[in-house]
Amino acid sequence: CAYAKYTNKLGVCVATSGPGGIHLLNGLY
């Protein structure tokens, strides 16, 4: 998200299945 904000480019993140993916939610919101 910060990368997208400061570069005006697409920010990309990757996480594993289950709880790993769930942990992305705060930053995605």
mmCIF file of all heavy atoms, coordinates in Angstrom:
data_MODEL
# 
_entry.id   MODEL 
# 
loop_
_atom_site.group_PDB 
_atom_site.id 
_atom_site.type_symbol 
_atom_site.label_atom_id 
_atom_site.label_alt_id 
_atom_site.label_comp_id 
_atom_site.label_asym_id 
_atom_site.label_entity_id 
_atom_site.label_seq_id 
_atom_site.pdbx_PDB_ins_code 
_atom_site.Cartn_x 
_atom_site.Cartn_y 
_atom_site.Cartn_z 
_atom_site.occupancy 
_atom_site.B_iso_or_equiv 
_atom_site.pdbx_formal_charge 
_atom_site.auth_seq_id 
_atom_site.auth_comp_id 
_atom_site.auth_asym_id 
_atom_site.auth_atom_id 
_atom_site.pdbx_PDB_model_num 
ATOM 1   N N   . CYS A 1 1  ? 0.833   -1.202  0.000   1.00 0.00 ? 1  CYS A N   1 
ATOM 2   C CA  . CYS A 1 1  ? 0.000   0.000   0.000   1.00 0.00 ? 1  CYS A CA  1 
ATOM 3   C C   . CYS A 1 1  ? 0.868   1.252   0.000   1.00 0.00 ? 1  CYS A C   1 
ATOM 4   O O   . CYS A 1 1  ? 0.630   2.190   -0.777  1.00 0.00 ? 1  CYS A O   1 
ATOM 5   C CB  . CYS A 1 1  ? -0.930  -0.022  1.210   1.00 0.00 ? 1  CYS A CB  1 
ATOM 6   S SG  . CYS A 1 1  ? -2.029  1.422   1.313   1.00 0.00 ? 1  CYS A SG  1 
ATOM 7   N N   . ALA A 1 2  ? 1.868   1.299   0.844   1.00 0.00 ? 2  ALA A N   1 
ATOM 8   C CA  . ALA A 1 2  ? 2.762   2.461   0.894   1.00 0.00 ? 2  ALA A CA  1 
ATOM 9   C C   . ALA A 1 2  ? 3.504   2.632   -0.428  1.00 0.00 ? 2  ALA A C   1 
ATOM 10  O O   . ALA A 1 2  ? 3.658   3.758   -0.926  1.00 0.00 ? 2  ALA A O   1 
ATOM 11  C CB  . ALA A 1 2  ? 3.759   2.317   2.048   1.00 0.00 ? 2  ALA A CB  1 
ATOM 12  N N   . TYR A 1 3  ? 3.936   1.538   -1.012  1.00 0.00 ? 3  TYR A N   1 
ATOM 13  C CA  . TYR A 1 3  ? 4.615   1.583   -2.309  1.00 0.00 ? 3  TYR A CA  1 
ATOM 14  C C   . TYR A 1 3  ? 3.700   2.219   -3.353  1.00 0.00 ? 3  TYR A C   1 
ATOM 15  O O   . TYR A 1 3  ? 4.126   3.090   -4.119  1.00 0.00 ? 3  TYR A O   1 
ATOM 16  C CB  . TYR A 1 3  ? 5.026   0.167   -2.709  1.00 0.00 ? 3  TYR A CB  1 
ATOM 17  C CG  . TYR A 1 3  ? 5.747   0.088   -4.031  1.00 0.00 ? 3  TYR A CG  1 
ATOM 18  C CD1 . TYR A 1 3  ? 7.121   0.272   -4.096  1.00 0.00 ? 3  TYR A CD1 1 
ATOM 19  C CD2 . TYR A 1 3  ? 5.062   -0.183  -5.207  1.00 0.00 ? 3  TYR A CD2 1 
ATOM 20  C CE1 . TYR A 1 3  ? 7.797   0.199   -5.302  1.00 0.00 ? 3  TYR A CE1 1 
ATOM 21  C CE2 . TYR A 1 3  ? 5.723   -0.258  -6.421  1.00 0.00 ? 3  TYR A CE2 1 
ATOM 22  C CZ  . TYR A 1 3  ? 7.087   -0.064  -6.464  1.00 0.00 ? 3  TYR A CZ  1 
ATOM 23  O OH  . TYR A 1 3  ? 7.748   -0.134  -7.670  1.00 0.00 ? 3  TYR A OH  1 
ATOM 24  N N   . ALA A 1 4  ? 2.447   1.801   -3.367  1.00 0.00 ? 4  ALA A N   1 
ATOM 25  C CA  . ALA A 1 4  ? 1.479   2.367   -4.316  1.00 0.00 ? 4  ALA A CA  1 
ATOM 26  C C   . ALA A 1 4  ? 1.279   3.865   -4.059  1.00 0.00 ? 4  ALA A C   1 
ATOM 27  O O   . ALA A 1 4  ? 1.250   4.668   -4.993  1.00 0.00 ? 4  ALA A O   1 
ATOM 28  C CB  . ALA A 1 4  ? 0.148   1.623   -4.226  1.00 0.00 ? 4  ALA A CB  1 
ATOM 29  N N   . LYS A 1 5  ? 1.163   4.239   -2.792  1.00 0.00 ? 5  LYS A N   1 
ATOM 30  C CA  . LYS A 1 5  ? 0.943   5.646   -2.433  1.00 0.00 ? 5  LYS A CA  1 
ATOM 31  C C   . LYS A 1 5  ? 2.092   6.540   -2.887  1.00 0.00 ? 5  LYS A C   1 
ATOM 32  O O   . LYS A 1 5  ? 1.878   7.645   -3.366  1.00 0.00 ? 5  LYS A O   1 
ATOM 33  C CB  . LYS A 1 5  ? 0.793   5.797   -0.914  1.00 0.00 ? 5  LYS A CB  1 
ATOM 34  C CG  . LYS A 1 5  ? -0.517  5.341   -0.360  1.00 0.00 ? 5  LYS A CG  1 
ATOM 35  C CD  . LYS A 1 5  ? -0.530  5.491   1.167   1.00 0.00 ? 5  LYS A CD  1 
ATOM 36  C CE  . LYS A 1 5  ? -1.769  4.864   1.759   1.00 0.00 ? 5  LYS A CE  1 
ATOM 37  N NZ  . LYS A 1 5  ? -1.794  4.963   3.227   1.00 0.00 ? 5  LYS A NZ  1 
ATOM 38  N N   . TYR A 1 6  ? 3.316   6.081   -2.707  1.00 0.00 ? 6  TYR A N   1 
ATOM 39  C CA  . TYR A 1 6  ? 4.467   6.942   -2.947  1.00 0.00 ? 6  TYR A CA  1 
ATOM 40  C C   . TYR A 1 6  ? 5.093   6.812   -4.327  1.00 0.00 ? 6  TYR A C   1 
ATOM 41  O O   . TYR A 1 6  ? 5.934   7.626   -4.688  1.00 0.00 ? 6  TYR A O   1 
ATOM 42  C CB  . TYR A 1 6  ? 5.513   6.726   -1.847  1.00 0.00 ? 6  TYR A CB  1 
ATOM 43  C CG  . TYR A 1 6  ? 4.995   7.207   -0.515  1.00 0.00 ? 6  TYR A CG  1 
ATOM 44  C CD1 . TYR A 1 6  ? 4.607   6.317   0.469   1.00 0.00 ? 6  TYR A CD1 1 
ATOM 45  C CD2 . TYR A 1 6  ? 4.838   8.568   -0.264  1.00 0.00 ? 6  TYR A CD2 1 
ATOM 46  C CE1 . TYR A 1 6  ? 4.091   6.767   1.687   1.00 0.00 ? 6  TYR A CE1 1 
ATOM 47  C CE2 . TYR A 1 6  ? 4.326   9.026   0.939   1.00 0.00 ? 6  TYR A CE2 1 
ATOM 48  C CZ  . TYR A 1 6  ? 3.960   8.117   1.907   1.00 0.00 ? 6  TYR A CZ  1 
ATOM 49  O OH  . TYR A 1 6  ? 3.447   8.562   3.096   1.00 0.00 ? 6  TYR A OH  1 
ATOM 50  N N   . THR A 1 7  ? 4.661   5.809   -5.098  1.00 0.00 ? 7  THR A N   1 
ATOM 51  C CA  . THR A 1 7  ? 5.215   5.653   -6.443  1.00 0.00 ? 7  THR A CA  1 
ATOM 52  C C   . THR A 1 7  ? 4.173   5.819   -7.544  1.00 0.00 ? 7  THR A C   1 
ATOM 53  O O   . THR A 1 7  ? 4.534   5.911   -8.717  1.00 0.00 ? 7  THR A O   1 
ATOM 54  C CB  . THR A 1 7  ? 5.851   4.253   -6.625  1.00 0.00 ? 7  THR A CB  1 
ATOM 55  O OG1 . THR A 1 7  ? 4.817   3.261   -6.541  1.00 0.00 ? 7  THR A OG1 1 
ATOM 56  C CG2 . THR A 1 7  ? 6.952   4.008   -5.606  1.00 0.00 ? 7  THR A CG2 1 
ATOM 57  N N   . ASN A 1 8  ? 2.900   5.814   -7.176  1.00 0.00 ? 8  ASN A N   1 
ATOM 58  C CA  . ASN A 1 8  ? 1.804   5.813   -8.158  1.00 0.00 ? 8  ASN A CA  1 
ATOM 59  C C   . ASN A 1 8  ? 1.869   4.604   -9.074  1.00 0.00 ? 8  ASN A C   1 
ATOM 60  O O   . ASN A 1 8  ? 1.455   4.666   -10.224 1.00 0.00 ? 8  ASN A O   1 
ATOM 61  C CB  . ASN A 1 8  ? 1.785   7.109   -8.967  1.00 0.00 ? 8  ASN A CB  1 
ATOM 62  C CG  . ASN A 1 8  ? 1.454   8.302   -8.109  1.00 0.00 ? 8  ASN A CG  1 
ATOM 63  O OD1 . ASN A 1 8  ? 0.526   8.245   -7.297  1.00 0.00 ? 8  ASN A OD1 1 
ATOM 64  N ND2 . ASN A 1 8  ? 2.224   9.360   -8.254  1.00 0.00 ? 8  ASN A ND2 1 
ATOM 65  N N   . LYS A 1 9  ? 2.393   3.501   -8.557  1.00 0.00 ? 9  LYS A N   1 
ATOM 66  C CA  . LYS A 1 9  ? 2.456   2.233   -9.291  1.00 0.00 ? 9  LYS A CA  1 
ATOM 67  C C   . LYS A 1 9  ? 1.649   1.190   -8.533  1.00 0.00 ? 9  LYS A C   1 
ATOM 68  O O   . LYS A 1 9  ? 1.246   1.400   -7.390  1.00 0.00 ? 9  LYS A O   1 
ATOM 69  C CB  . LYS A 1 9  ? 3.913   1.766   -9.419  1.00 0.00 ? 9  LYS A CB  1 
ATOM 70  C CG  . LYS A 1 9  ? 4.792   2.678   -10.231 1.00 0.00 ? 9  LYS A CG  1 
ATOM 71  C CD  . LYS A 1 9  ? 6.212   2.140   -10.291 1.00 0.00 ? 9  LYS A CD  1 
ATOM 72  C CE  . LYS A 1 9  ? 7.114   3.060   -11.087 1.00 0.00 ? 9  LYS A CE  1 
ATOM 73  N NZ  . LYS A 1 9  ? 8.498   2.542   -11.141 1.00 0.00 ? 9  LYS A NZ  1 
ATOM 74  N N   . LEU A 1 10 ? 1.460   0.060   -9.167  1.00 0.00 ? 10 LEU A N   1 
ATOM 75  C CA  . LEU A 1 10 ? 0.754   -1.047  -8.545  1.00 0.00 ? 10 LEU A CA  1 
ATOM 76  C C   . LEU A 1 10 ? 1.592   -1.649  -7.427  1.00 0.00 ? 10 LEU A C   1 
ATOM 77  O O   . LEU A 1 10 ? 2.746   -2.026  -7.646  1.00 0.00 ? 10 LEU A O   1 
ATOM 78  C CB  . LEU A 1 10 ? 0.445   -2.119  -9.601  1.00 0.00 ? 10 LEU A CB  1 
ATOM 79  C CG  . LEU A 1 10 ? -0.295  -3.367  -9.134  1.00 0.00 ? 10 LEU A CG  1 
ATOM 80  C CD1 . LEU A 1 10 ? -1.701  -3.013  -8.623  1.00 0.00 ? 10 LEU A CD1 1 
ATOM 81  C CD2 . LEU A 1 10 ? -0.387  -4.374  -10.282 1.00 0.00 ? 10 LEU A CD2 1 
ATOM 82  N N   . GLY A 1 11 ? 1.035   -1.711  -6.237  1.00 0.00 ? 11 GLY A N   1 
ATOM 83  C CA  . GLY A 1 11 ? 1.677   -2.402  -5.125  1.00 0.00 ? 11 GLY A CA  1 
ATOM 84  C C   . GLY A 1 11 ? 1.251   -3.858  -5.147  1.00 0.00 ? 11 GLY A C   1 
ATOM 85  O O   . GLY A 1 11 ? 0.085   -4.155  -5.416  1.00 0.00 ? 11 GLY A O   1 
ATOM 86  N N   . VAL A 1 12 ? 2.183   -4.760  -4.878  1.00 0.00 ? 12 VAL A N   1 
ATOM 87  C CA  . VAL A 1 12 ? 1.868   -6.190  -4.922  1.00 0.00 ? 12 VAL A CA  1 
ATOM 88  C C   . VAL A 1 12 ? 2.384   -6.864  -3.654  1.00 0.00 ? 12 VAL A C   1 
ATOM 89  O O   . VAL A 1 12 ? 3.522   -6.632  -3.237  1.00 0.00 ? 12 VAL A O   1 
ATOM 90  C CB  . VAL A 1 12 ? 2.494   -6.874  -6.163  1.00 0.00 ? 12 VAL A CB  1 
ATOM 91  C CG1 . VAL A 1 12 ? 2.148   -8.363  -6.192  1.00 0.00 ? 12 VAL A CG1 1 
ATOM 92  C CG2 . VAL A 1 12 ? 2.024   -6.190  -7.445  1.00 0.00 ? 12 VAL A CG2 1 
ATOM 93  N N   . CYS A 1 13 ? 1.528   -7.696  -3.066  1.00 0.00 ? 13 CYS A N   1 
ATOM 94  C CA  . CYS A 1 13 ? 1.934   -8.483  -1.905  1.00 0.00 ? 13 CYS A CA  1 
ATOM 95  C C   . CYS A 1 13 ? 1.513   -9.929  -2.124  1.00 0.00 ? 13 CYS A C   1 
ATOM 96  O O   . CYS A 1 13 ? 0.560   -10.214 -2.849  1.00 0.00 ? 13 CYS A O   1 
ATOM 97  C CB  . CYS A 1 13 ? 1.363   -7.929  -0.609  1.00 0.00 ? 13 CYS A CB  1 
ATOM 98  S SG  . CYS A 1 13 ? -0.421  -7.758  -0.553  1.00 0.00 ? 13 CYS A SG  1 
ATOM 99  N N   . VAL A 1 14 ? 2.237   -10.825 -1.476  1.00 0.00 ? 14 VAL A N   1 
ATOM 100 C CA  . VAL A 1 14 ? 1.969   -12.259 -1.620  1.00 0.00 ? 14 VAL A CA  1 
ATOM 101 C C   . VAL A 1 14 ? 2.041   -12.922 -0.253  1.00 0.00 ? 14 VAL A C   1 
ATOM 102 O O   . VAL A 1 14 ? 2.865   -12.544 0.594   1.00 0.00 ? 14 VAL A O   1 
ATOM 103 C CB  . VAL A 1 14 ? 2.952   -12.909 -2.628  1.00 0.00 ? 14 VAL A CB  1 
ATOM 104 C CG1 . VAL A 1 14 ? 4.383   -12.808 -2.149  1.00 0.00 ? 14 VAL A CG1 1 
ATOM 105 C CG2 . VAL A 1 14 ? 2.575   -14.337 -2.936  1.00 0.00 ? 14 VAL A CG2 1 
ATOM 106 N N   . ALA A 1 15 ? 1.132   -13.872 -0.033  1.00 0.00 ? 15 ALA A N   1 
ATOM 107 C CA  . ALA A 1 15 ? 1.111   -14.620 1.227   1.00 0.00 ? 15 ALA A CA  1 
ATOM 108 C C   . ALA A 1 15 ? 0.626   -16.035 0.950   1.00 0.00 ? 15 ALA A C   1 
ATOM 109 O O   . ALA A 1 15 ? -0.052  -16.298 -0.051  1.00 0.00 ? 15 ALA A O   1 
ATOM 110 C CB  . ALA A 1 15 ? 0.189   -13.947 2.245   1.00 0.00 ? 15 ALA A CB  1 
ATOM 111 N N   . THR A 1 16 ? 0.936   -16.918 1.852   1.00 0.00 ? 16 THR A N   1 
ATOM 112 C CA  . THR A 1 16 ? 0.546   -18.302 1.701   1.00 0.00 ? 16 THR A CA  1 
ATOM 113 C C   . THR A 1 16 ? -0.937  -18.492 2.002   1.00 0.00 ? 16 THR A C   1 
ATOM 114 O O   . THR A 1 16 ? -1.677  -17.524 2.230   1.00 0.00 ? 16 THR A O   1 
ATOM 115 C CB  . THR A 1 16 ? 1.445   -19.210 2.580   1.00 0.00 ? 16 THR A CB  1 
ATOM 116 O OG1 . THR A 1 16 ? 1.237   -20.569 2.208   1.00 0.00 ? 16 THR A OG1 1 
ATOM 117 C CG2 . THR A 1 16 ? 1.184   -18.994 4.061   1.00 0.00 ? 16 THR A CG2 1 
ATOM 118 N N   . SER A 1 17 ? -1.364  -19.714 2.024   1.00 0.00 ? 17 SER A N   1 
ATOM 119 C CA  . SER A 1 17 ? -2.774  -20.047 2.243   1.00 0.00 ? 17 SER A CA  1 
ATOM 120 C C   . SER A 1 17 ? -3.184  -19.840 3.696   1.00 0.00 ? 17 SER A C   1 
ATOM 121 O O   . SER A 1 17 ? -2.358  -19.587 4.566   1.00 0.00 ? 17 SER A O   1 
ATOM 122 C CB  . SER A 1 17 ? -3.003  -21.506 1.843   1.00 0.00 ? 17 SER A CB  1 
ATOM 123 O OG  . SER A 1 17 ? -2.140  -22.353 2.575   1.00 0.00 ? 17 SER A OG  1 
ATOM 124 N N   . GLY A 1 18 ? -4.481  -19.960 3.929   1.00 0.00 ? 18 GLY A N   1 
ATOM 125 C CA  . GLY A 1 18 ? -5.041  -19.936 5.276   1.00 0.00 ? 18 GLY A CA  1 
ATOM 126 C C   . GLY A 1 18 ? -4.691  -18.684 6.059   1.00 0.00 ? 18 GLY A C   1 
ATOM 127 O O   . GLY A 1 18 ? -4.855  -17.562 5.562   1.00 0.00 ? 18 GLY A O   1 
ATOM 128 N N   . PRO A 1 19 ? -4.197  -18.852 7.292   1.00 0.00 ? 19 PRO A N   1 
ATOM 129 C CA  . PRO A 1 19 ? -3.895  -17.699 8.150   1.00 0.00 ? 19 PRO A CA  1 
ATOM 130 C C   . PRO A 1 19 ? -2.904  -16.719 7.530   1.00 0.00 ? 19 PRO A C   1 
ATOM 131 O O   . PRO A 1 19 ? -2.991  -15.523 7.773   1.00 0.00 ? 19 PRO A O   1 
ATOM 132 C CB  . PRO A 1 19 ? -3.307  -18.342 9.406   1.00 0.00 ? 19 PRO A CB  1 
ATOM 133 C CG  . PRO A 1 19 ? -3.873  -19.718 9.423   1.00 0.00 ? 19 PRO A CG  1 
ATOM 134 C CD  . PRO A 1 19 ? -3.989  -20.128 7.980   1.00 0.00 ? 19 PRO A CD  1 
ATOM 135 N N   . GLY A 1 20 ? -1.968  -17.208 6.715   1.00 0.00 ? 20 GLY A N   1 
ATOM 136 C CA  . GLY A 1 20 ? -1.018  -16.299 6.060   1.00 0.00 ? 20 GLY A CA  1 
ATOM 137 C C   . GLY A 1 20 ? -1.741  -15.274 5.212   1.00 0.00 ? 20 GLY A C   1 
ATOM 138 O O   . GLY A 1 20 ? -1.434  -14.081 5.256   1.00 0.00 ? 20 GLY A O   1 
ATOM 139 N N   . GLY A 1 21 ? -2.704  -15.720 4.440   1.00 0.00 ? 21 GLY A N   1 
ATOM 140 C CA  . GLY A 1 21 ? -3.492  -14.807 3.622   1.00 0.00 ? 21 GLY A CA  1 
ATOM 141 C C   . GLY A 1 21 ? -4.356  -13.883 4.454   1.00 0.00 ? 21 GLY A C   1 
ATOM 142 O O   . GLY A 1 21 ? -4.489  -12.696 4.151   1.00 0.00 ? 21 GLY A O   1 
ATOM 143 N N   . ILE A 1 22 ? -4.931  -14.423 5.503   1.00 0.00 ? 22 ILE A N   1 
ATOM 144 C CA  . ILE A 1 22 ? -5.794  -13.611 6.378   1.00 0.00 ? 22 ILE A CA  1 
ATOM 145 C C   . ILE A 1 22 ? -5.007  -12.439 6.967   1.00 0.00 ? 22 ILE A C   1 
ATOM 146 O O   . ILE A 1 22 ? -5.540  -11.339 7.113   1.00 0.00 ? 22 ILE A O   1 
ATOM 147 C CB  . ILE A 1 22 ? -6.409  -14.485 7.491   1.00 0.00 ? 22 ILE A CB  1 
ATOM 148 C CG1 . ILE A 1 22 ? -7.425  -15.462 6.875   1.00 0.00 ? 22 ILE A CG1 1 
ATOM 149 C CG2 . ILE A 1 22 ? -7.070  -13.630 8.569   1.00 0.00 ? 22 ILE A CG2 1 
ATOM 150 C CD1 . ILE A 1 22 ? -7.901  -16.543 7.829   1.00 0.00 ? 22 ILE A CD1 1 
ATOM 151 N N   . HIS A 1 23 ? -3.736  -12.653 7.267   1.00 0.00 ? 23 HIS A N   1 
ATOM 152 C CA  . HIS A 1 23 ? -2.904  -11.594 7.849   1.00 0.00 ? 23 HIS A CA  1 
ATOM 153 C C   . HIS A 1 23 ? -2.730  -10.390 6.919   1.00 0.00 ? 23 HIS A C   1 
ATOM 154 O O   . HIS A 1 23 ? -2.332  -9.315  7.372   1.00 0.00 ? 23 HIS A O   1 
ATOM 155 C CB  . HIS A 1 23 ? -1.525  -12.125 8.244   1.00 0.00 ? 23 HIS A CB  1 
ATOM 156 C CG  . HIS A 1 23 ? -1.528  -13.002 9.452   1.00 0.00 ? 23 HIS A CG  1 
ATOM 157 N ND1 . HIS A 1 23 ? -2.081  -12.635 10.656  1.00 0.00 ? 23 HIS A ND1 1 
ATOM 158 C CD2 . HIS A 1 23 ? -1.027  -14.257 9.638   1.00 0.00 ? 23 HIS A CD2 1 
ATOM 159 C CE1 . HIS A 1 23 ? -1.925  -13.605 11.523  1.00 0.00 ? 23 HIS A CE1 1 
ATOM 160 N NE2 . HIS A 1 23 ? -1.297  -14.602 10.933  1.00 0.00 ? 23 HIS A NE2 1 
ATOM 161 N N   . LEU A 1 24 ? -3.012  -10.536 5.637   1.00 0.00 ? 24 LEU A N   1 
ATOM 162 C CA  . LEU A 1 24 ? -2.904  -9.403  4.713   1.00 0.00 ? 24 LEU A CA  1 
ATOM 163 C C   . LEU A 1 24 ? -4.020  -8.372  4.896   1.00 0.00 ? 24 LEU A C   1 
ATOM 164 O O   . LEU A 1 24 ? -3.892  -7.230  4.461   1.00 0.00 ? 24 LEU A O   1 
ATOM 165 C CB  . LEU A 1 24 ? -2.952  -9.887  3.258   1.00 0.00 ? 24 LEU A CB  1 
ATOM 166 C CG  . LEU A 1 24 ? -1.822  -10.756 2.740   1.00 0.00 ? 24 LEU A CG  1 
ATOM 167 C CD1 . LEU A 1 24 ? -2.154  -11.229 1.323   1.00 0.00 ? 24 LEU A CD1 1 
ATOM 168 C CD2 . LEU A 1 24 ? -0.503  -10.014 2.761   1.00 0.00 ? 24 LEU A CD2 1 
ATOM 169 N N   . LEU A 1 25 ? -5.116  -8.768  5.517   1.00 0.00 ? 25 LEU A N   1 
ATOM 170 C CA  . LEU A 1 25 ? -6.329  -7.942  5.487   1.00 0.00 ? 25 LEU A CA  1 
ATOM 171 C C   . LEU A 1 25 ? -6.158  -6.522  6.031   1.00 0.00 ? 25 LEU A C   1 
ATOM 172 O O   . LEU A 1 25 ? -6.684  -5.577  5.433   1.00 0.00 ? 25 LEU A O   1 
ATOM 173 C CB  . LEU A 1 25 ? -7.474  -8.654  6.209   1.00 0.00 ? 25 LEU A CB  1 
ATOM 174 C CG  . LEU A 1 25 ? -8.046  -9.852  5.458   1.00 0.00 ? 25 LEU A CG  1 
ATOM 175 C CD1 . LEU A 1 25 ? -9.071  -10.588 6.326   1.00 0.00 ? 25 LEU A CD1 1 
ATOM 176 C CD2 . LEU A 1 25 ? -8.654  -9.433  4.142   1.00 0.00 ? 25 LEU A CD2 1 
ATOM 177 N N   . ASN A 1 26 ? -5.460  -6.323  7.139   1.00 0.00 ? 26 ASN A N   1 
ATOM 178 C CA  . ASN A 1 26 ? -5.321  -4.958  7.677   1.00 0.00 ? 26 ASN A CA  1 
ATOM 179 C C   . ASN A 1 26 ? -4.688  -4.011  6.664   1.00 0.00 ? 26 ASN A C   1 
ATOM 180 O O   . ASN A 1 26 ? -5.174  -2.902  6.436   1.00 0.00 ? 26 ASN A O   1 
ATOM 181 C CB  . ASN A 1 26 ? -4.504  -4.951  8.974   1.00 0.00 ? 26 ASN A CB  1 
ATOM 182 C CG  . ASN A 1 26 ? -5.329  -5.321  10.175  1.00 0.00 ? 26 ASN A CG  1 
ATOM 183 O OD1 . ASN A 1 26 ? -6.545  -5.171  10.180  1.00 0.00 ? 26 ASN A OD1 1 
ATOM 184 N ND2 . ASN A 1 26 ? -4.672  -5.819  11.205  1.00 0.00 ? 26 ASN A ND2 1 
ATOM 185 N N   . GLY A 1 27 ? -3.600  -4.435  6.054   1.00 0.00 ? 27 GLY A N   1 
ATOM 186 C CA  . GLY A 1 27 ? -2.942  -3.597  5.058   1.00 0.00 ? 27 GLY A CA  1 
ATOM 187 C C   . GLY A 1 27 ? -3.789  -3.402  3.813   1.00 0.00 ? 27 GLY A C   1 
ATOM 188 O O   . GLY A 1 27 ? -3.758  -2.334  3.188   1.00 0.00 ? 27 GLY A O   1 
ATOM 189 N N   . LEU A 1 28 ? -4.554  -4.422  3.446   1.00 0.00 ? 28 LEU A N   1 
ATOM 190 C CA  . LEU A 1 28 ? -5.410  -4.293  2.266   1.00 0.00 ? 28 LEU A CA  1 
ATOM 191 C C   . LEU A 1 28 ? -6.578  -3.348  2.522   1.00 0.00 ? 28 LEU A C   1 
ATOM 192 O O   . LEU A 1 28 ? -6.987  -2.608  1.630   1.00 0.00 ? 28 LEU A O   1 
ATOM 193 C CB  . LEU A 1 28 ? -5.907  -5.668  1.816   1.00 0.00 ? 28 LEU A CB  1 
ATOM 194 C CG  . LEU A 1 28 ? -4.812  -6.621  1.348   1.00 0.00 ? 28 LEU A CG  1 
ATOM 195 C CD1 . LEU A 1 28 ? -5.411  -7.958  0.945   1.00 0.00 ? 28 LEU A CD1 1 
ATOM 196 C CD2 . LEU A 1 28 ? -3.997  -6.017  0.204   1.00 0.00 ? 28 LEU A CD2 1 
ATOM 197 N N   . TYR A 1 29 ? -7.102  -3.350  3.736   1.00 0.00 ? 29 TYR A N   1 
ATOM 198 C CA  . TYR A 1 29 ? -8.155  -2.371  4.057   1.00 0.00 ? 29 TYR A CA  1 
ATOM 199 C C   . TYR A 1 29 ? -7.590  -0.955  4.044   1.00 0.00 ? 29 TYR A C   1 
ATOM 200 O O   . TYR A 1 29 ? -8.273  -0.013  3.651   1.00 0.00 ? 29 TYR A O   1 
ATOM 201 C CB  . TYR A 1 29 ? -8.839  -2.691  5.392   1.00 0.00 ? 29 TYR A CB  1 
ATOM 202 C CG  . TYR A 1 29 ? -9.999  -3.627  5.208   1.00 0.00 ? 29 TYR A CG  1 
ATOM 203 C CD1 . TYR A 1 29 ? -9.894  -4.968  5.533   1.00 0.00 ? 29 TYR A CD1 1 
ATOM 204 C CD2 . TYR A 1 29 ? -11.201 -3.178  4.661   1.00 0.00 ? 29 TYR A CD2 1 
ATOM 205 C CE1 . TYR A 1 29 ? -10.949 -5.843  5.342   1.00 0.00 ? 29 TYR A CE1 1 
ATOM 206 C CE2 . TYR A 1 29 ? -12.264 -4.036  4.461   1.00 0.00 ? 29 TYR A CE2 1 
ATOM 207 C CZ  . TYR A 1 29 ? -12.134 -5.368  4.804   1.00 0.00 ? 29 TYR A CZ  1 
ATOM 208 O OH  . TYR A 1 29 ? -13.195 -6.223  4.596   1.00 0.00 ? 29 TYR A OH  1 
# 
